[in-house]
């Protein structure tokens, strides 16, 4: 069988736009990079973002969801998502949804809605197991 690409969901990288008016640059972080006090700093303006327990819990559960998908990667090539477009059905392989479409979580931070983007990096091609 041929090799097929999968996605590395174990090293998820989140980012969001700094909400400081004079910055608005990307603030990258991962669950592993959160400090003990659950703070992330903008690398451009040094603005500190403290994530409260509820927000950290949402990121942790989302990370767990991504890890569950990673654990099912051997069947992702067999799973499709159907989309109806103008009376026609289009099947999109689920693994493409992970790497080709932008995944984001929209949460409230500082009184405004903020999009937290999730970067999923491709893994090296892996052999599909023989049945």
N, C-alpha and C. Protein backbone atom coordinates (compact mmCIF):
# COMPACT_ATOMS: atom_id res chain seq x y z
N UNK A 1 0.84 -1.18 0.00
CA UNK A 1 0.00 0.00 0.00
C UNK A 1 0.88 1.23 0.00
N UNK A 2 0.38 2.33 -0.56
CA UNK A 2 1.14 3.57 -0.59
C UNK A 2 1.11 4.30 0.73
N UNK A 3 2.01 5.23 0.83
CA UNK A 3 2.07 6.03 2.04
C UNK A 3 1.04 7.13 1.96
N UNK A 4 0.54 7.54 3.11
CA UNK A 4 -0.39 8.66 3.12
C UNK A 4 -0.02 9.58 4.26
N UNK A 5 -0.09 10.90 4.04
CA UNK A 5 0.29 11.83 5.09
C UNK A 5 -0.76 11.86 6.18
N UNK A 6 -0.30 12.07 7.38
CA UNK A 6 -1.19 12.27 8.51
C UNK A 6 -0.77 13.55 9.20
N UNK A 7 -1.45 13.91 10.25
CA UNK A 7 -1.15 15.16 10.93
C UNK A 7 -0.58 14.89 12.30
N UNK A 8 0.38 15.71 12.70
CA UNK A 8 0.96 15.61 14.03
C UNK A 8 0.14 16.48 14.96
N UNK A 9 -0.71 15.84 15.74
CA UNK A 9 -1.57 16.58 16.65
C UNK A 9 -1.01 16.63 18.06
N UNK A 10 0.13 15.97 18.27
CA UNK A 10 0.69 15.94 19.62
C UNK A 10 1.43 17.22 19.95
N UNK A 11 1.83 17.98 18.95
CA UNK A 11 2.57 19.21 19.21
C UNK A 11 1.75 20.42 18.78
N UNK A 12 0.48 20.43 19.18
CA UNK A 12 -0.39 21.51 18.77
C UNK A 12 0.17 22.85 19.22
N UNK A 13 0.07 23.80 18.36
CA UNK A 13 0.55 25.15 18.62
C UNK A 13 -0.64 26.08 18.45
N UNK A 14 -0.92 26.85 19.46
CA UNK A 14 -2.01 27.82 19.41
C UNK A 14 -1.41 29.20 19.16
N UNK A 15 -2.21 30.09 18.60
CA UNK A 15 -1.80 31.49 18.54
C UNK A 15 -3.04 32.37 18.50
N UNK A 16 -2.85 33.62 18.85
CA UNK A 16 -3.92 34.61 18.81
C UNK A 16 -3.28 35.97 18.58
N UNK A 17 -4.10 36.95 18.20
CA UNK A 17 -3.62 38.31 17.98
C UNK A 17 -3.58 39.05 19.31
N UNK A 18 -2.47 39.70 19.56
CA UNK A 18 -2.34 40.54 20.75
C UNK A 18 -3.44 41.60 20.71
N UNK A 19 -4.11 41.83 21.82
CA UNK A 19 -5.22 42.78 21.83
C UNK A 19 -4.77 44.21 22.12
N UNK A 20 -3.47 44.44 22.28
CA UNK A 20 -2.96 45.79 22.49
C UNK A 20 -3.04 46.55 21.17
N UNK A 21 -3.67 47.72 21.19
CA UNK A 21 -3.89 48.50 19.96
C UNK A 21 -2.60 48.78 19.20
N UNK A 22 -1.50 49.04 19.90
CA UNK A 22 -0.25 49.39 19.23
C UNK A 22 0.58 48.17 18.83
N UNK A 23 0.04 46.98 19.03
CA UNK A 23 0.78 45.75 18.68
C UNK A 23 0.00 44.93 17.66
N UNK A 24 -1.03 44.22 18.11
CA UNK A 24 -1.88 43.37 17.25
C UNK A 24 -1.11 42.30 16.49
N UNK A 25 0.05 41.88 17.02
CA UNK A 25 0.84 40.84 16.37
C UNK A 25 0.48 39.48 16.95
N UNK A 26 0.97 38.43 16.32
CA UNK A 26 0.65 37.06 16.71
C UNK A 26 1.38 36.66 17.99
N UNK A 27 0.62 36.05 18.91
CA UNK A 27 1.17 35.54 20.17
C UNK A 27 1.06 34.01 20.12
N UNK A 28 2.18 33.32 19.86
CA UNK A 28 2.13 31.85 19.81
C UNK A 28 2.33 31.23 21.19
N UNK A 29 1.71 30.07 21.42
CA UNK A 29 1.93 29.33 22.65
C UNK A 29 1.46 27.90 22.47
N UNK A 30 1.89 27.04 23.37
CA UNK A 30 1.40 25.67 23.42
C UNK A 30 1.03 25.39 24.86
N UNK A 31 0.33 24.31 25.10
CA UNK A 31 -0.03 23.98 26.48
C UNK A 31 1.23 23.79 27.31
N UNK A 32 2.26 23.24 26.72
CA UNK A 32 3.51 23.00 27.44
C UNK A 32 4.23 24.31 27.78
N UNK A 33 3.99 25.37 26.99
CA UNK A 33 4.71 26.62 27.22
C UNK A 33 4.03 27.54 28.23
N UNK A 34 2.82 27.18 28.67
CA UNK A 34 2.16 28.01 29.69
C UNK A 34 2.99 27.99 30.97
N UNK A 35 3.20 29.14 31.56
CA UNK A 35 3.94 29.19 32.82
C UNK A 35 3.08 28.61 33.93
N UNK A 36 3.68 28.39 35.09
CA UNK A 36 2.94 27.82 36.22
C UNK A 36 1.75 28.68 36.62
N UNK A 37 1.86 29.99 36.42
CA UNK A 37 0.73 30.86 36.76
C UNK A 37 -0.20 31.07 35.57
N UNK A 38 -0.06 30.19 34.54
CA UNK A 38 -0.94 30.19 33.37
C UNK A 38 -0.88 31.51 32.60
N UNK A 39 0.33 32.00 32.41
CA UNK A 39 0.55 33.27 31.73
C UNK A 39 1.32 33.05 30.43
N UNK A 40 0.92 33.80 29.40
CA UNK A 40 1.62 33.83 28.12
C UNK A 40 1.98 35.28 27.86
N UNK A 41 3.18 35.53 27.34
CA UNK A 41 3.61 36.89 27.03
C UNK A 41 3.70 37.09 25.52
N UNK A 42 3.25 38.25 25.07
CA UNK A 42 3.40 38.60 23.66
C UNK A 42 4.90 38.78 23.41
N UNK A 43 5.45 38.10 22.41
CA UNK A 43 6.89 38.23 22.15
C UNK A 43 7.26 39.58 21.54
N UNK A 44 6.27 40.37 21.15
CA UNK A 44 6.54 41.65 20.49
C UNK A 44 6.46 42.83 21.45
N UNK A 45 5.40 42.88 22.26
CA UNK A 45 5.22 44.02 23.17
C UNK A 45 5.34 43.63 24.64
N UNK A 46 5.53 42.34 24.91
CA UNK A 46 5.68 41.79 26.27
C UNK A 46 4.41 41.87 27.11
N UNK A 47 3.28 42.17 26.50
CA UNK A 47 2.01 42.18 27.23
C UNK A 47 1.76 40.78 27.80
N UNK A 48 1.38 40.73 29.08
CA UNK A 48 1.13 39.44 29.73
C UNK A 48 -0.35 39.09 29.64
N UNK A 49 -0.62 37.85 29.29
CA UNK A 49 -1.98 37.33 29.23
C UNK A 49 -2.10 36.21 30.25
N UNK A 50 -2.89 36.44 31.27
CA UNK A 50 -3.12 35.41 32.29
C UNK A 50 -4.40 34.67 31.92
N UNK A 51 -4.30 33.37 31.73
CA UNK A 51 -5.45 32.55 31.39
C UNK A 51 -6.03 31.97 32.67
N UNK A 52 -7.30 32.26 32.93
CA UNK A 52 -7.95 31.72 34.12
C UNK A 52 -8.21 30.23 33.95
N UNK A 53 -8.52 29.57 35.05
CA UNK A 53 -8.66 28.11 35.07
C UNK A 53 -9.65 27.59 34.03
N UNK A 54 -10.77 28.28 33.86
CA UNK A 54 -11.79 27.83 32.91
C UNK A 54 -11.25 27.85 31.48
N UNK A 55 -10.50 28.88 31.13
CA UNK A 55 -9.93 28.98 29.79
C UNK A 55 -8.87 27.90 29.57
N UNK A 56 -8.00 27.69 30.56
CA UNK A 56 -6.98 26.65 30.46
C UNK A 56 -7.65 25.28 30.32
N UNK A 57 -8.74 25.06 31.06
CA UNK A 57 -9.47 23.80 30.97
C UNK A 57 -9.99 23.58 29.54
N UNK A 58 -10.49 24.64 28.90
CA UNK A 58 -10.98 24.51 27.52
C UNK A 58 -9.85 24.13 26.58
N UNK A 59 -8.69 24.77 26.74
CA UNK A 59 -7.54 24.42 25.90
C UNK A 59 -7.08 22.99 26.15
N UNK A 60 -7.08 22.57 27.41
CA UNK A 60 -6.67 21.20 27.73
C UNK A 60 -7.63 20.18 27.14
N UNK A 61 -8.94 20.46 27.21
CA UNK A 61 -9.91 19.53 26.62
C UNK A 61 -9.80 19.51 25.11
N UNK A 62 -9.54 20.67 24.50
CA UNK A 62 -9.36 20.72 23.05
C UNK A 62 -8.11 19.94 22.66
N UNK A 63 -7.04 20.08 23.44
CA UNK A 63 -5.81 19.31 23.18
C UNK A 63 -6.08 17.82 23.29
N UNK A 64 -6.89 17.42 24.28
CA UNK A 64 -7.25 16.01 24.44
C UNK A 64 -8.04 15.52 23.23
N UNK A 65 -8.92 16.37 22.70
CA UNK A 65 -9.68 16.02 21.50
C UNK A 65 -8.73 15.80 20.33
N UNK A 66 -7.76 16.68 20.16
CA UNK A 66 -6.79 16.53 19.08
C UNK A 66 -5.98 15.25 19.24
N UNK A 67 -5.62 14.92 20.47
CA UNK A 67 -4.86 13.69 20.72
C UNK A 67 -5.71 12.46 20.42
N UNK A 68 -7.02 12.53 20.70
CA UNK A 68 -7.91 11.41 20.38
C UNK A 68 -7.98 11.22 18.87
N UNK A 69 -8.01 12.31 18.12
CA UNK A 69 -8.00 12.22 16.67
C UNK A 69 -6.68 11.61 16.21
N UNK A 70 -5.57 12.02 16.84
CA UNK A 70 -4.27 11.45 16.48
C UNK A 70 -4.26 9.94 16.71
N UNK A 71 -4.85 9.50 17.80
CA UNK A 71 -4.91 8.07 18.10
C UNK A 71 -5.71 7.30 17.06
N UNK A 72 -6.59 7.99 16.34
CA UNK A 72 -7.42 7.35 15.31
C UNK A 72 -6.86 7.59 13.91
N UNK A 73 -5.63 8.08 13.80
CA UNK A 73 -5.10 8.46 12.50
C UNK A 73 -5.04 7.31 11.50
N UNK A 74 -4.96 6.07 11.98
CA UNK A 74 -4.91 4.94 11.05
C UNK A 74 -6.22 4.75 10.29
N UNK A 75 -7.32 5.30 10.78
CA UNK A 75 -8.59 5.16 10.07
C UNK A 75 -9.03 6.46 9.39
N UNK A 76 -8.26 7.54 9.57
CA UNK A 76 -8.68 8.83 9.00
C UNK A 76 -8.80 8.79 7.48
N UNK A 77 -8.00 7.99 6.81
CA UNK A 77 -8.10 7.88 5.36
C UNK A 77 -9.39 7.23 4.90
N UNK A 78 -10.07 6.54 5.80
CA UNK A 78 -11.32 5.87 5.47
C UNK A 78 -12.55 6.69 5.85
N UNK A 79 -12.33 7.85 6.47
CA UNK A 79 -13.44 8.68 6.95
C UNK A 79 -13.54 9.93 6.10
N UNK A 80 -14.76 10.24 5.66
CA UNK A 80 -15.02 11.43 4.86
C UNK A 80 -16.07 12.28 5.54
N UNK A 81 -16.04 13.57 5.24
CA UNK A 81 -17.08 14.49 5.68
C UNK A 81 -17.84 14.90 4.42
N UNK A 82 -19.16 14.73 4.43
CA UNK A 82 -19.97 15.09 3.27
C UNK A 82 -20.45 16.53 3.38
N UNK A 83 -20.30 17.27 2.29
CA UNK A 83 -20.75 18.66 2.24
C UNK A 83 -21.70 18.80 1.06
N UNK A 84 -22.88 19.37 1.31
CA UNK A 84 -23.85 19.61 0.25
C UNK A 84 -23.61 21.00 -0.35
N UNK A 85 -23.34 21.05 -1.65
CA UNK A 85 -23.11 22.31 -2.34
C UNK A 85 -24.00 22.33 -3.58
N UNK A 86 -24.97 23.24 -3.60
CA UNK A 86 -25.88 23.41 -4.73
C UNK A 86 -26.43 22.07 -5.23
N UNK A 87 -26.93 21.26 -4.32
CA UNK A 87 -27.55 20.00 -4.68
C UNK A 87 -26.59 18.86 -4.95
N UNK A 88 -25.31 19.11 -4.87
CA UNK A 88 -24.31 18.07 -5.08
C UNK A 88 -23.61 17.77 -3.76
N UNK A 89 -23.29 16.51 -3.58
CA UNK A 89 -22.57 16.10 -2.37
C UNK A 89 -21.08 15.98 -2.69
N UNK A 90 -20.28 16.61 -1.86
CA UNK A 90 -18.83 16.55 -2.00
C UNK A 90 -18.28 15.85 -0.77
N UNK A 91 -17.42 14.85 -0.99
CA UNK A 91 -16.79 14.14 0.12
C UNK A 91 -15.37 14.67 0.31
N UNK A 92 -15.10 15.07 1.52
CA UNK A 92 -13.77 15.58 1.86
C UNK A 92 -13.14 14.60 2.84
N UNK A 93 -11.98 14.04 2.51
CA UNK A 93 -11.31 13.14 3.46
C UNK A 93 -11.04 13.88 4.77
N UNK A 94 -11.37 13.24 5.88
CA UNK A 94 -11.25 13.86 7.19
C UNK A 94 -9.83 14.34 7.46
N UNK A 95 -8.82 13.56 7.03
CA UNK A 95 -7.44 13.96 7.30
C UNK A 95 -7.09 15.28 6.62
N UNK A 96 -7.75 15.61 5.50
CA UNK A 96 -7.51 16.89 4.85
C UNK A 96 -8.07 18.05 5.67
N UNK A 97 -9.16 17.79 6.38
CA UNK A 97 -9.73 18.83 7.22
C UNK A 97 -8.74 19.27 8.30
N UNK A 98 -7.91 18.35 8.75
CA UNK A 98 -6.97 18.66 9.82
C UNK A 98 -5.79 19.49 9.34
N UNK A 99 -5.41 19.34 8.08
CA UNK A 99 -4.20 19.99 7.62
C UNK A 99 -4.43 21.09 6.59
N UNK A 100 -5.57 21.10 5.94
CA UNK A 100 -5.80 22.08 4.88
C UNK A 100 -6.72 23.23 5.29
N UNK A 101 -7.56 22.98 6.28
CA UNK A 101 -8.47 24.02 6.73
C UNK A 101 -7.98 24.60 8.05
N UNK A 102 -8.27 25.86 8.28
CA UNK A 102 -7.87 26.50 9.53
C UNK A 102 -8.78 26.05 10.66
N UNK A 103 -8.18 25.61 11.74
CA UNK A 103 -8.93 25.23 12.93
C UNK A 103 -8.75 26.34 13.94
N UNK A 104 -9.86 26.80 14.51
CA UNK A 104 -9.76 27.85 15.52
C UNK A 104 -10.81 27.66 16.59
N UNK A 105 -10.49 28.16 17.75
CA UNK A 105 -11.40 28.17 18.88
C UNK A 105 -11.64 29.63 19.20
N UNK A 106 -12.90 30.06 19.22
CA UNK A 106 -13.23 31.45 19.52
C UNK A 106 -13.69 31.53 20.96
N UNK A 107 -12.94 32.27 21.77
CA UNK A 107 -13.23 32.42 23.19
C UNK A 107 -13.20 33.89 23.57
N UNK A 108 -13.82 34.20 24.69
CA UNK A 108 -13.82 35.58 25.16
C UNK A 108 -12.60 35.81 26.04
N UNK A 109 -11.91 36.92 25.77
CA UNK A 109 -10.74 37.29 26.54
C UNK A 109 -10.71 38.81 26.67
N UNK A 110 -10.67 39.30 27.89
CA UNK A 110 -10.64 40.74 28.09
C UNK A 110 -11.87 41.44 27.56
N UNK A 111 -13.02 40.76 27.61
CA UNK A 111 -14.27 41.37 27.16
C UNK A 111 -14.50 41.36 25.67
N UNK A 112 -13.61 40.75 24.90
CA UNK A 112 -13.85 40.66 23.46
C UNK A 112 -13.60 39.25 22.96
N UNK A 113 -14.24 38.90 21.85
CA UNK A 113 -14.08 37.58 21.25
C UNK A 113 -12.71 37.52 20.56
N UNK A 114 -11.97 36.47 20.86
CA UNK A 114 -10.63 36.30 20.30
C UNK A 114 -10.56 34.92 19.65
N UNK A 115 -10.06 34.88 18.41
CA UNK A 115 -9.86 33.62 17.71
C UNK A 115 -8.50 33.06 18.06
N UNK A 116 -8.49 31.86 18.63
CA UNK A 116 -7.26 31.14 18.92
C UNK A 116 -7.09 30.12 17.80
N UNK A 117 -6.07 30.29 16.99
CA UNK A 117 -5.81 29.39 15.88
C UNK A 117 -5.00 28.20 16.36
N UNK A 118 -5.27 27.06 15.77
CA UNK A 118 -4.55 25.83 16.10
C UNK A 118 -3.76 25.42 14.86
N UNK A 119 -2.47 25.29 15.02
CA UNK A 119 -1.60 24.86 13.92
C UNK A 119 -1.35 23.37 14.05
N UNK A 120 -1.72 22.62 13.03
CA UNK A 120 -1.49 21.18 13.00
C UNK A 120 -0.43 20.93 11.95
N UNK A 121 0.68 20.33 12.36
CA UNK A 121 1.81 20.11 11.47
C UNK A 121 1.76 18.71 10.87
N UNK A 122 2.05 18.58 9.56
CA UNK A 122 2.05 17.25 8.95
C UNK A 122 3.14 16.37 9.53
N UNK A 123 2.83 15.09 9.65
CA UNK A 123 3.83 14.08 10.02
C UNK A 123 4.48 13.56 8.75
N UNK A 124 5.55 12.84 8.92
CA UNK A 124 6.13 12.12 7.79
C UNK A 124 5.10 11.10 7.32
N UNK A 125 5.14 10.78 6.03
CA UNK A 125 4.23 9.76 5.50
C UNK A 125 4.40 8.47 6.27
N UNK A 126 3.28 7.79 6.47
CA UNK A 126 3.31 6.50 7.17
C UNK A 126 2.63 5.46 6.30
N UNK A 127 3.14 4.26 6.39
CA UNK A 127 2.52 3.15 5.66
C UNK A 127 1.17 2.84 6.26
N UNK A 128 0.18 2.59 5.41
CA UNK A 128 -1.12 2.14 5.89
C UNK A 128 -1.00 0.65 6.18
N UNK A 129 -1.44 0.21 7.36
CA UNK A 129 -1.33 -1.21 7.70
C UNK A 129 -2.11 -2.07 6.71
N UNK A 130 -1.55 -3.22 6.40
CA UNK A 130 -2.22 -4.17 5.51
C UNK A 130 -3.33 -4.87 6.27
N UNK A 131 -4.52 -5.04 5.66
CA UNK A 131 -5.60 -5.76 6.35
C UNK A 131 -5.30 -7.23 6.47
